[in-house]
């Protein structure tokens, strides 16, 4: 496995999630400050919106609107360019746990996950992803998944999602109507690995954060179809939560690193930094 070094990019955050690169800026959600942020090139940031239900997954529409998962409400909130907020979709009837990550396609379709159970309070339970059409209509799609987390879409319309508690990356074929078919394990990982947010590189590798650990195995890793780990970025004493490629050439890997434990997470206690690494790969453009 090739190892890469990281550097601190931005500090002063609580629990960052949902990293996305959009129109020349890094975006992120901060669970505990309930803010959506954009970052400048020097690591300084601007809080562009507050989402009372606690923001998570992010995506973007062609009209300049931002879609944000509101975790506690189990809704997708639409933030207009003028800052006005409205409920784009309510997926609470299909969510066994709070809302989580999301990916939005170039057509305006969204795929949204949820915890499936009360983390740290209940035994793990499966749930389903929800497809949100551009008009806000919703349908559960795919099979039963266990804590679906980060998502990416390949150029040939395959949806990849990390199943954190099944220790794997799962693939689905996206159908014309937005439904998902042909579920299969894309990469099975070791039982000690809990993949969280993911990012796809242009060579077909998936970078994932190994969350829920503060030990030496915390870090961001590149896995290829079949399960081989080819690259890694070690992270010191922090949960490795989510990552995104960015920069003008999409060659910088941005990584959200959150210092917390399950008990502290429950109590809303965490500190967070964004780190960067040059890993020798270019990110795959958003689909």
Protein backbone atom coordinates (compact mmCIF):
# COMPACT_ATOMS: atom_id res chain seq x y z
CA UNK A 1 0.00 0.00 0.00
CA UNK A 2 1.30 3.43 -0.94
CA UNK A 3 1.20 5.91 1.93
CA UNK A 4 0.63 9.65 1.58
CA UNK A 5 1.07 12.51 4.02
CA UNK A 6 -1.59 15.02 4.99
CA UNK A 7 -1.51 18.69 5.97
CA UNK A 8 -4.01 20.69 8.01
CA UNK A 9 -6.16 22.96 5.83
CA UNK A 10 -8.85 24.38 8.15
CA UNK A 11 -9.54 24.24 11.90
CA UNK A 12 -12.16 25.47 14.35
CA UNK A 13 -15.05 23.18 13.44
CA UNK A 14 -17.20 20.74 15.41
CA UNK A 15 -18.30 17.69 13.35
CA UNK A 16 -17.85 18.08 9.61
CA UNK A 17 -19.61 15.90 7.05
CA UNK A 18 -20.78 16.02 3.45
CA UNK A 19 -17.64 17.42 1.81
CA UNK A 20 -18.30 18.51 -1.77
CA UNK A 21 -16.34 20.52 -4.34
CA UNK A 22 -18.62 22.83 -6.32
CA UNK A 23 -17.90 25.83 -8.55
CA UNK A 24 -14.37 26.29 -7.28
CA UNK A 25 -15.11 25.98 -3.56
CA UNK A 26 -15.13 23.28 -0.91
CA UNK A 27 -18.47 22.89 0.86
CA UNK A 28 -19.24 21.06 4.11
CA UNK A 29 -21.92 20.53 6.71
CA UNK A 30 -21.20 20.86 10.41
CA UNK A 31 -23.58 18.63 12.37
CA UNK A 32 -23.22 20.30 15.74
CA UNK A 33 -22.99 23.97 14.77
CA UNK A 34 -25.93 23.32 12.38
CA UNK A 35 -24.21 25.26 9.61
CA UNK A 36 -23.38 24.77 5.95
CA UNK A 37 -19.95 26.18 5.14
CA UNK A 38 -17.85 27.16 2.16
CA UNK A 39 -14.07 27.41 2.35
CA UNK A 40 -11.61 29.85 0.85
CA UNK A 41 -8.24 28.80 -0.55
CA UNK A 42 -6.48 29.70 2.73
CA UNK A 43 -8.77 27.50 4.85
CA UNK A 44 -10.92 30.34 6.16
CA UNK A 45 -14.64 29.71 5.87
CA UNK A 46 -18.04 31.32 5.63
CA UNK A 47 -21.24 29.99 7.19
CA UNK A 48 -23.63 30.27 4.25
CA UNK A 49 -26.71 28.74 5.89
CA UNK A 50 -28.04 27.42 9.17
CA UNK A 51 -30.15 24.25 9.11
CA UNK A 52 -31.95 23.84 12.41
CA UNK A 53 -32.46 20.10 11.93
CA UNK A 54 -28.67 19.59 11.65
CA UNK A 55 -27.22 19.42 8.11
CA UNK A 56 -25.56 16.38 6.58
CA UNK A 57 -25.39 15.37 2.90
CA UNK A 58 -25.06 18.13 0.30
CA UNK A 59 -25.83 18.46 -3.40
CA UNK A 60 -26.42 21.14 -6.00
CA UNK A 61 -29.02 21.99 -8.65
CA UNK A 62 -28.51 23.77 -11.96
CA UNK A 63 -30.47 26.84 -10.83
CA UNK A 64 -27.94 27.53 -8.07
CA UNK A 65 -29.98 25.97 -5.28
CA UNK A 66 -28.35 23.76 -2.67
CA UNK A 67 -29.94 20.56 -1.36
CA UNK A 68 -29.14 19.62 2.24
CA UNK A 69 -30.21 16.63 4.30
CA UNK A 70 -31.78 17.86 7.54
CA UNK A 71 -30.92 14.98 9.82
CA UNK A 72 -33.35 15.28 12.69
CA UNK A 73 -36.31 16.19 10.46
CA UNK A 74 -35.45 13.44 7.94
CA UNK A 75 -36.05 15.85 5.12
CA UNK A 76 -34.13 17.32 2.20
CA UNK A 77 -34.05 21.10 2.50
CA UNK A 78 -33.69 23.29 -0.57
CA UNK A 79 -31.74 26.52 -0.12
CA UNK A 80 -32.40 29.02 -2.90
CA UNK A 81 -29.65 31.36 -4.16
CA UNK A 82 -31.22 34.17 -2.08
CA UNK A 83 -31.00 32.02 1.08
CA UNK A 84 -34.68 31.09 1.28
CA UNK A 85 -35.22 27.58 2.65
CA UNK A 86 -38.04 25.13 1.94
CA UNK A 87 -38.65 21.40 2.31
CA UNK A 88 -37.77 19.75 -0.99
CA UNK A 89 -38.66 16.21 0.15
CA UNK A 90 -39.78 14.49 3.35
CA UNK A 91 -38.43 10.93 3.56
CA UNK A 92 -39.24 10.32 7.23
CA UNK A 93 -41.68 7.49 6.48
CA UNK A 94 -38.80 5.45 5.04
CA UNK A 95 -36.10 6.34 7.57
CA UNK A 96 -35.51 4.14 10.61
CA UNK A 97 -32.87 6.56 11.84
CA UNK A 98 -31.83 10.14 11.32
CA UNK A 99 -30.98 11.38 7.82
CA UNK A 100 -27.43 10.95 6.63
CA UNK A 101 -25.49 11.30 3.40
CA UNK A 102 -26.77 12.16 -0.07
CA UNK A 103 -25.62 12.44 -3.66
CA UNK A 104 -27.32 14.58 -6.30
CA UNK A 105 -27.03 13.86 -10.02
CA UNK A 106 -26.68 16.37 -12.84
CA UNK A 107 -30.38 15.78 -13.62
CA UNK A 108 -31.39 16.86 -10.12
CA UNK A 109 -32.17 13.38 -8.81
CA UNK A 110 -30.97 12.66 -5.28
CA UNK A 111 -30.19 9.47 -3.39
CA UNK A 112 -30.49 9.80 0.37
CA UNK A 113 -29.48 7.48 3.20
CA UNK A 114 -30.32 7.29 6.88
CA UNK A 115 -28.79 5.61 9.93
CA UNK A 116 -31.57 3.00 10.05
CA UNK A 117 -31.50 2.86 13.86
CA UNK A 118 -30.55 4.96 16.88
CA UNK A 119 -26.76 4.79 16.84
CA UNK A 120 -25.40 3.73 20.23
CA UNK A 121 -28.89 3.01 21.59
CA UNK A 122 -30.31 0.24 19.40
CA UNK A 123 -28.91 -2.84 17.72
CA UNK A 124 -28.07 -2.19 14.06
CA UNK A 125 -31.03 -2.52 11.66
CA UNK A 126 -31.21 -2.36 7.90
CA UNK A 127 -32.91 0.40 5.94
CA UNK A 128 -33.25 1.49 2.32
CA UNK A 129 -31.96 4.33 0.24
CA UNK A 130 -34.52 6.85 -0.96
CA UNK A 131 -34.61 8.24 -4.49
CA UNK A 132 -35.79 11.85 -4.62
CA UNK A 133 -36.82 13.01 -8.08
CA UNK A 134 -36.11 16.55 -9.23
CA UNK A 135 -39.73 17.45 -8.43
CA UNK A 136 -39.35 16.22 -4.84
CA UNK A 137 -41.28 12.95 -5.18
CA UNK A 138 -39.76 10.06 -3.23
CA UNK A 139 -39.43 6.30 -3.54
CA UNK A 140 -37.39 3.75 -1.58
CA UNK A 141 -34.94 2.02 -3.90
CA UNK A 142 -32.50 -0.86 -3.87
CA UNK A 143 -32.39 -3.60 -1.28
CA UNK A 144 -31.92 -3.57 2.47
CA UNK A 145 -28.66 -1.87 3.44
CA UNK A 146 -26.99 -1.50 6.82
CA UNK A 147 -26.07 2.08 7.72
CA UNK A 148 -25.68 3.41 4.17
CA UNK A 149 -23.21 6.23 4.17
CA UNK A 150 -21.09 7.94 1.50
CA UNK A 151 -22.16 7.64 -2.13
CA UNK A 152 -20.59 8.16 -5.55
CA UNK A 153 -21.77 7.64 -9.13
CA UNK A 154 -19.47 6.20 -11.78
CA UNK A 155 -19.43 7.40 -15.42
CA UNK A 156 -21.35 4.26 -16.43
CA UNK A 157 -24.22 5.05 -14.01
CA UNK A 158 -23.34 2.75 -11.15
CA UNK A 159 -24.22 4.01 -7.68
CA UNK A 160 -21.64 3.07 -5.06
CA UNK A 161 -22.45 3.35 -1.37
CA UNK A 162 -20.52 2.51 1.77
CA UNK A 163 -22.33 0.22 4.19
CA UNK A 164 -20.59 1.22 7.40
CA UNK A 165 -21.73 -1.71 9.54
CA UNK A 166 -21.41 -4.31 6.76
CA UNK A 167 -17.82 -3.20 6.16
CA UNK A 168 -18.22 -2.97 2.40
CA UNK A 169 -18.81 -0.85 -0.67
CA UNK A 170 -21.99 -1.88 -2.49
CA UNK A 171 -22.86 -1.23 -6.15
CA UNK A 172 -26.24 -0.72 -7.84
CA UNK A 173 -27.07 -0.07 -11.48
CA UNK A 174 -29.11 3.13 -11.87
CA UNK A 175 -32.18 2.57 -14.04
CA UNK A 176 -33.79 5.16 -16.31
CA UNK A 177 -36.56 5.79 -13.78
CA UNK A 178 -34.03 6.34 -10.98
CA UNK A 179 -34.59 2.97 -9.33
CA UNK A 180 -31.63 0.75 -8.43
CA UNK A 181 -31.00 -2.79 -9.67
CA UNK A 182 -28.38 -5.54 -9.65
CA UNK A 183 -27.12 -5.04 -6.11
CA UNK A 184 -23.67 -6.54 -5.51
CA UNK A 185 -20.66 -6.21 -3.25
CA UNK A 186 -18.13 -4.00 -5.04
CA UNK A 187 -15.45 -4.29 -2.35
CA UNK A 188 -15.56 -6.31 0.86
CA UNK A 189 -13.40 -4.82 3.61
CA UNK A 190 -12.03 -6.19 6.86
CA UNK A 191 -14.50 -6.44 9.74
CA UNK A 192 -12.51 -3.83 11.66
CA UNK A 193 -13.12 -1.24 8.92
CA UNK A 194 -16.16 1.07 9.00
CA UNK A 195 -16.31 2.97 5.70
CA UNK A 196 -17.99 6.36 5.93
CA UNK A 197 -17.82 9.07 3.26
CA UNK A 198 -16.39 8.17 -0.15
CA UNK A 199 -14.91 9.87 -3.21
CA UNK A 200 -14.33 8.40 -6.66
CA UNK A 201 -11.11 9.01 -8.57
CA UNK A 202 -10.75 9.13 -12.35
CA UNK A 203 -9.00 5.75 -12.38
CA UNK A 204 -12.00 4.02 -10.82
CA UNK A 205 -10.74 3.77 -7.26
CA UNK A 206 -12.87 4.66 -4.25
CA UNK A 207 -11.39 6.65 -1.37
CA UNK A 208 -13.17 6.10 1.94
CA UNK A 209 -12.78 7.28 5.50
CA UNK A 210 -12.40 4.61 8.17
CA UNK A 211 -14.61 6.09 10.87
CA UNK A 212 -15.40 5.10 14.46
CA UNK A 213 -11.76 4.61 15.45
CA UNK A 214 -9.10 6.82 17.01
CA UNK A 215 -6.44 4.13 16.69
CA UNK A 216 -3.63 3.70 14.16
CA UNK A 217 -6.03 2.30 11.54
CA UNK A 218 -7.84 5.63 11.30
CA UNK A 219 -7.27 7.14 7.89
CA UNK A 220 -8.48 7.49 4.34
CA UNK A 221 -7.90 4.55 2.03
CA UNK A 222 -8.21 3.81 -1.67
CA UNK A 223 -9.89 0.53 -2.60
CA UNK A 224 -10.48 -0.90 -6.06
CA UNK A 225 -13.24 -3.23 -7.20
CA UNK A 226 -12.66 -6.59 -5.57
CA UNK A 227 -11.36 -5.18 -2.30
CA UNK A 228 -7.64 -4.48 -2.77
CA UNK A 229 -6.40 -1.49 -0.75
CA UNK A 230 -3.83 0.39 -2.84
CA UNK A 231 -3.23 3.70 -1.02
CA UNK A 232 -3.74 5.31 2.35
CA UNK A 233 -3.48 8.56 4.27
CA UNK A 234 -2.97 8.04 8.00
CA UNK A 235 -4.94 10.32 10.33
CA UNK A 236 -3.79 10.78 13.91
CA UNK A 237 -6.33 10.26 16.71
CA UNK A 238 -9.48 11.31 14.84
CA UNK A 239 -12.39 9.66 13.08
CA UNK A 240 -11.77 9.74 9.34
CA UNK A 241 -15.25 10.67 8.21
CA UNK A 242 -15.54 11.95 4.66
CA UNK A 243 -13.48 13.13 1.71
CA UNK A 244 -13.76 14.88 -1.64
CA UNK A 245 -11.45 15.72 -4.51
CA UNK A 246 -11.10 19.41 -5.27
CA UNK A 247 -8.86 22.17 -6.46
CA UNK A 248 -8.78 23.55 -9.98
CA UNK A 249 -7.43 20.24 -11.31
CA UNK A 250 -9.36 17.96 -8.88
CA UNK A 251 -6.05 16.58 -7.60
CA UNK A 252 -6.32 17.62 -3.95
CA UNK A 253 -8.02 15.18 -1.58
CA UNK A 254 -9.86 17.08 1.15
CA UNK A 255 -10.58 15.06 4.29
CA UNK A 256 -12.84 15.75 7.29
CA UNK A 257 -11.30 14.46 10.53
CA UNK A 258 -13.42 14.55 13.69
CA UNK A 259 -12.06 14.02 17.20
CA UNK A 260 -14.83 12.32 19.15
CA UNK A 261 -16.09 9.00 20.54
CA UNK A 262 -19.50 7.38 20.23
CA UNK A 263 -20.37 8.62 23.72
CA UNK A 264 -19.18 12.15 22.95
CA UNK A 265 -20.92 12.09 19.57
CA UNK A 266 -24.17 11.33 21.37
CA UNK A 267 -23.61 14.36 23.58
CA UNK A 268 -22.79 16.63 20.64
CA UNK A 269 -19.11 16.90 21.57
CA UNK A 270 -16.48 16.90 18.83
CA UNK A 271 -13.73 19.00 17.31
CA UNK A 272 -13.01 18.84 13.60
CA UNK A 273 -10.38 19.81 11.06
CA UNK A 274 -10.12 19.57 7.30
CA UNK A 275 -6.87 18.06 6.05
CA UNK A 276 -5.51 17.81 2.51
CA UNK A 277 -3.26 15.38 0.67
CA UNK A 278 -1.80 15.03 -2.80
CA UNK A 279 -2.42 11.36 -3.46
CA UNK A 280 -1.41 11.16 -7.11
CA UNK A 281 -4.93 10.69 -8.48
CA UNK A 282 -7.45 13.03 -10.04
CA UNK A 283 -11.03 13.08 -8.85
CA UNK A 284 -13.82 11.86 -11.08
CA UNK A 285 -16.08 14.76 -12.13
CA UNK A 286 -19.53 14.84 -10.54
CA UNK A 287 -22.15 12.91 -12.49
